[in-house]
C-alpha atoms as a PDB file:
ATOM      1  CA  MET A   1     -22.316-138.574   0.376  1.00  0.00           C
ATOM      2  CA  ALA A   2     -25.331-136.282   0.143  1.00  0.00           C
ATOM      3  CA  ILE A   3     -26.738-134.282   3.035  1.00  0.00           C
ATOM      4  CA  SER A   4     -29.716-135.997   4.739  1.00  0.00           C
ATOM      5  CA  GLU A   5     -33.303-134.734   4.342  1.00  0.00           C
ATOM      6  CA  PHE A   6     -33.256-133.414   7.920  1.00  0.00           C
ATOM      7  CA  GLU A   7     -29.980-131.560   7.329  1.00  0.00           C
ATOM      8  CA  ILE A   8     -31.331-130.123   4.047  1.00  0.00           C
ATOM      9  CA  LYS A   9     -34.337-128.630   5.866  1.00  0.00           C
ATOM     10  CA  LYS A  10     -32.020-127.188   8.519  1.00  0.00           C
ATOM     11  CA  CYS A  11     -29.781-125.710   5.781  1.00  0.00           C
ATOM     12  CA  GLU A  12     -32.760-124.234   3.923  1.00  0.00           C
ATOM     13  CA  LYS A  13     -33.971-122.525   7.084  1.00  0.00           C
ATOM     14  CA  ALA A  14     -30.539-120.953   7.728  1.00  0.00           C
ATOM     15  CA  ILE A  15     -30.135-119.868   4.101  1.00  0.00           C
ATOM     16  CA  GLU A  16     -33.625-118.385   3.930  1.00  0.00           C
ATOM     17  CA  LYS A  17     -32.778-116.277   6.990  1.00  0.00           C
ATOM     18  CA  PHE A  18     -29.570-115.124   5.231  1.00  0.00           C
ATOM     19  CA  MET A  19     -31.518-114.355   2.038  1.00  0.00           C
ATOM     20  CA  ALA A  20     -34.105-112.302   3.907  1.00  0.00           C
ATOM     21  CA  LYS A  21     -31.298-110.111   5.235  1.00  0.00           C
ATOM     22  CA  HIS A  22     -29.103-109.848   2.113  1.00  0.00           C
ATOM     23  CA  ARG A  23     -31.418-109.931  -0.896  1.00  0.00           C
ATOM     24  CA  PRO A  24     -31.862-106.622  -2.715  1.00  0.00           C
ATOM     25  CA  PRO A  25     -35.124-104.684  -2.247  1.00  0.00           C
ATOM     26  CA  ALA A  26     -38.101-106.221  -4.081  1.00  0.00           C
ATOM     27  CA  HIS A  27     -38.338-103.400  -6.624  1.00  0.00           C
ATOM     28  CA  ILE A  28     -34.884-104.156  -8.122  1.00  0.00           C
ATOM     29  CA  ARG A  29     -34.898-107.951  -7.953  1.00  0.00           C
ATOM     30  CA  ASN A  30     -35.605-108.166 -11.676  1.00  0.00           C
ATOM     31  CA  GLU A  31     -32.189-106.459 -12.178  1.00  0.00           C
ATOM     32  CA  VAL A  32     -30.216-108.271  -9.470  1.00  0.00           C
ATOM     33  CA  ASP A  33     -31.212-110.921  -6.975  1.00  0.00           C
ATOM     34  CA  LEU A  34     -29.694-113.661  -4.839  1.00  0.00           C
ATOM     35  CA  GLY A  35     -30.437-117.356  -5.041  1.00  0.00           C
ATOM     36  CA  PHE A  36     -29.132-120.590  -3.604  1.00  0.00           C
ATOM     37  CA  ARG A  37     -29.012-124.278  -4.315  1.00  0.00           C
ATOM     38  CA  ILE A  38     -28.210-127.362  -2.311  1.00  0.00           C
ATOM     39  CA  GLU A  39     -26.627-130.200  -4.276  1.00  0.00           C
ATOM     40  CA  ASN A  40     -25.150-133.336  -2.741  1.00  0.00           C
ATOM     41  CA  GLN A  41     -23.140-132.024   0.242  1.00  0.00           C
ATOM     42  CA  SER A  42     -22.680-128.467  -1.069  1.00  0.00           C
ATOM     43  CA  VAL A  43     -24.535-125.200  -0.647  1.00  0.00           C
ATOM     44  CA  GLU A  44     -24.015-122.498  -3.259  1.00  0.00           C
ATOM     45  CA  VAL A  45     -25.081-118.841  -3.127  1.00  0.00           C
ATOM     46  CA  PHE A  46     -25.298-116.977  -6.449  1.00  0.00           C
ATOM     47  CA  GLU A  47     -26.433-113.692  -7.989  1.00  0.00           C
ATOM     48  CA  ILE A  48     -29.145-113.667 -10.629  1.00  0.00           C
ATOM     49  CA  ARG A  49     -28.879-110.944 -13.272  1.00  0.00           C
ATOM     50  CA  PRO A  50     -30.105-110.295 -16.808  1.00  0.00           C
ATOM     51  CA  GLN A  51     -27.572-111.216 -19.481  1.00  0.00           C
ATOM     52  CA  TRP A  52     -25.947-107.972 -20.682  1.00  0.00           C
ATOM     53  CA  ASN A  53     -26.672-108.541 -24.384  1.00  0.00           C
ATOM     54  CA  ASN A  54     -30.012-110.325 -23.921  1.00  0.00           C
ATOM     55  CA  PRO A  55     -31.824-108.956 -20.850  1.00  0.00           C
ATOM     56  CA  SER A  56     -34.667-111.473 -21.202  1.00  0.00           C
ATOM     57  CA  ASN A  57     -32.157-114.241 -20.384  1.00  0.00           C
ATOM     58  CA  LYS A  58     -31.237-114.545 -16.681  1.00  0.00           C
ATOM     59  CA  ILE A  59     -27.749-115.719 -15.728  1.00  0.00           C
ATOM     60  CA  GLU A  60     -26.302-116.914 -12.451  1.00  0.00           C
ATOM     61  CA  GLN A  61     -22.995-115.610 -11.126  1.00  0.00           C
ATOM     62  CA  PRO A  62     -21.527-117.685  -8.271  1.00  0.00           C
ATOM     63  CA  VAL A  63     -20.908-115.865  -4.991  1.00  0.00           C
ATOM     64  CA  ALA A  64     -19.885-118.498  -2.432  1.00  0.00           C
ATOM     65  CA  LYS A  65     -19.910-122.224  -1.833  1.00  0.00           C
ATOM     66  CA  ALA A  66     -19.650-124.444   1.229  1.00  0.00           C
ATOM     67  CA  THR A  67     -19.132-128.198   1.128  1.00  0.00           C
ATOM     68  CA  TYR A  68     -19.873-130.365   4.151  1.00  0.00           C
ATOM     69  CA  VAL A  69     -17.233-132.932   5.092  1.00  0.00           C
ATOM     70  CA  LYS A  70     -19.110-135.379   7.277  1.00  0.00           C
ATOM     71  CA  ALA A  71     -16.002-137.278   8.466  1.00  0.00           C
ATOM     72  CA  GLN A  72     -14.532-134.044   9.878  1.00  0.00           C
ATOM     73  CA  LYS A  73     -17.894-132.476  10.832  1.00  0.00           C
ATOM     74  CA  LEU A  74     -17.060-129.157   9.168  1.00  0.00           C
ATOM     75  CA  TRP A  75     -17.872-127.032   6.159  1.00  0.00           C
ATOM     76  CA  LYS A  76     -15.170-126.048   3.653  1.00  0.00           C
ATOM     77  CA  VAL A  77     -15.583-122.462   2.404  1.00  0.00           C
ATOM     78  CA  TYR A  78     -14.950-121.543  -1.234  1.00  0.00           C
ATOM     79  CA  TRP A  79     -15.039-118.451  -3.443  1.00  0.00           C
ATOM     80  CA  GLN A  80     -14.811-118.248  -7.198  1.00  0.00           C
ATOM     81  CA  ARG A  81     -11.855-116.397  -8.667  1.00  0.00           C
ATOM     82  CA  ALA A  82     -11.546-114.841 -12.135  1.00  0.00           C
ATOM     83  CA  ASP A  83     -10.399-118.219 -13.509  1.00  0.00           C
ATOM     84  CA  LEU A  84     -13.970-119.441 -12.801  1.00  0.00           C
ATOM     85  CA  LYS A  85     -12.719-122.157 -10.453  1.00  0.00           C
ATOM     86  CA  TRP A  86     -13.631-122.574  -6.804  1.00  0.00           C
ATOM     87  CA  HIS A  87     -10.777-121.784  -4.416  1.00  0.00           C
ATOM     88  CA  SER A  88     -10.509-122.247  -0.684  1.00  0.00           C
ATOM     89  CA  TYR A  89     -11.305-119.020   1.139  1.00  0.00           C
ATOM     90  CA  GLU A  90      -7.979-118.698   2.955  1.00  0.00           C
ATOM     91  CA  PRO A  91      -8.972-116.231   5.686  1.00  0.00           C
ATOM     92  CA  VAL A  92     -11.556-118.794   6.884  1.00  0.00           C
ATOM     93  CA  PRO A  93     -11.049-122.095   5.014  1.00  0.00           C
ATOM     94  CA  THR A  94     -13.409-124.100   7.252  1.00  0.00           C
ATOM     95  CA  VAL A  95     -16.264-123.465   9.659  1.00  0.00           C
ATOM     96  CA  LYS A  96     -18.176-125.744  12.011  1.00  0.00           C
ATOM     97  CA  THR A  97     -21.702-124.685  11.016  1.00  0.00           C
ATOM     98  CA  LEU A  98     -23.567-123.412   8.001  1.00  0.00           C
ATOM     99  CA  ASP A  99     -24.538-120.331  10.025  1.00  0.00           C
ATOM    100  CA  GLU A 100     -20.831-119.524  10.430  1.00  0.00           C
ATOM    101  CA  PHE A 101     -20.377-119.865   6.658  1.00  0.00           C
ATOM    102  CA  LEU A 102     -23.281-117.509   6.000  1.00  0.00           C
ATOM    103  CA  ASN A 103     -21.841-114.995   8.490  1.00  0.00           C
ATOM    104  CA  VAL A 104     -18.469-115.085   6.691  1.00  0.00           C
ATOM    105  CA  VAL A 105     -20.200-114.521   3.338  1.00  0.00           C
ATOM    106  CA  GLY A 106     -22.420-111.761   4.732  1.00  0.00           C
ATOM    107  CA  GLU A 107     -19.489-109.889   6.269  1.00  0.00           C
ATOM    108  CA  ASP A 108     -17.386-110.330   3.112  1.00  0.00           C
ATOM    109  CA  GLN A 109     -14.413-108.813   4.948  1.00  0.00           C
ATOM    110  CA  TYR A 110     -12.036-109.114   1.977  1.00  0.00           C
ATOM    111  CA  SER A 111     -14.615-108.425  -0.792  1.00  0.00           C
ATOM    112  CA  CYS A 112     -14.105-111.876  -2.290  1.00  0.00           C
ATOM    113  CA  PHE A 113     -17.759-112.891  -2.464  1.00  0.00           C
ATOM    114  CA  PHE A 114     -19.650-109.813  -3.573  1.00  0.00           C
ATOM    115  CA  GLY A 115     -16.708-107.853  -4.992  1.00  0.00           C
END
C-alpha cells in the first residue's frame, strides 16, 4: 500500500531538511549531488553524477532506501551492496520514524551508504 498524501508531505519535509545538511556545496553539484524519490511506501536517497564516459549523461547511484511497513508501524532500512541488490542494514534493520532513518544514513557509521 502506498504512503498517504499527508505522509508524503511529512516525508518530503524531513528529507529536504536532510538534503539541506548533506548535499554538496552548490559549486560542485554539477559533478556530484544528492537526490531522493518517494515511490509507493519507499523512500530512496541517491547520488547524481556524470557518467564517466559521457559526462553530459547524468546517472543515479543508490545510497539508501527505507520502506514503510504500515502493519508494524516501522521503516525497514536497506543499503545496496556490490551485487546491486538491496540488503537489510543489519546494524539498524528497522527504525520507528523516517527521521531516525535519515540520522542513520547521515551518520553512516559503517560506511555502507556513502562508502
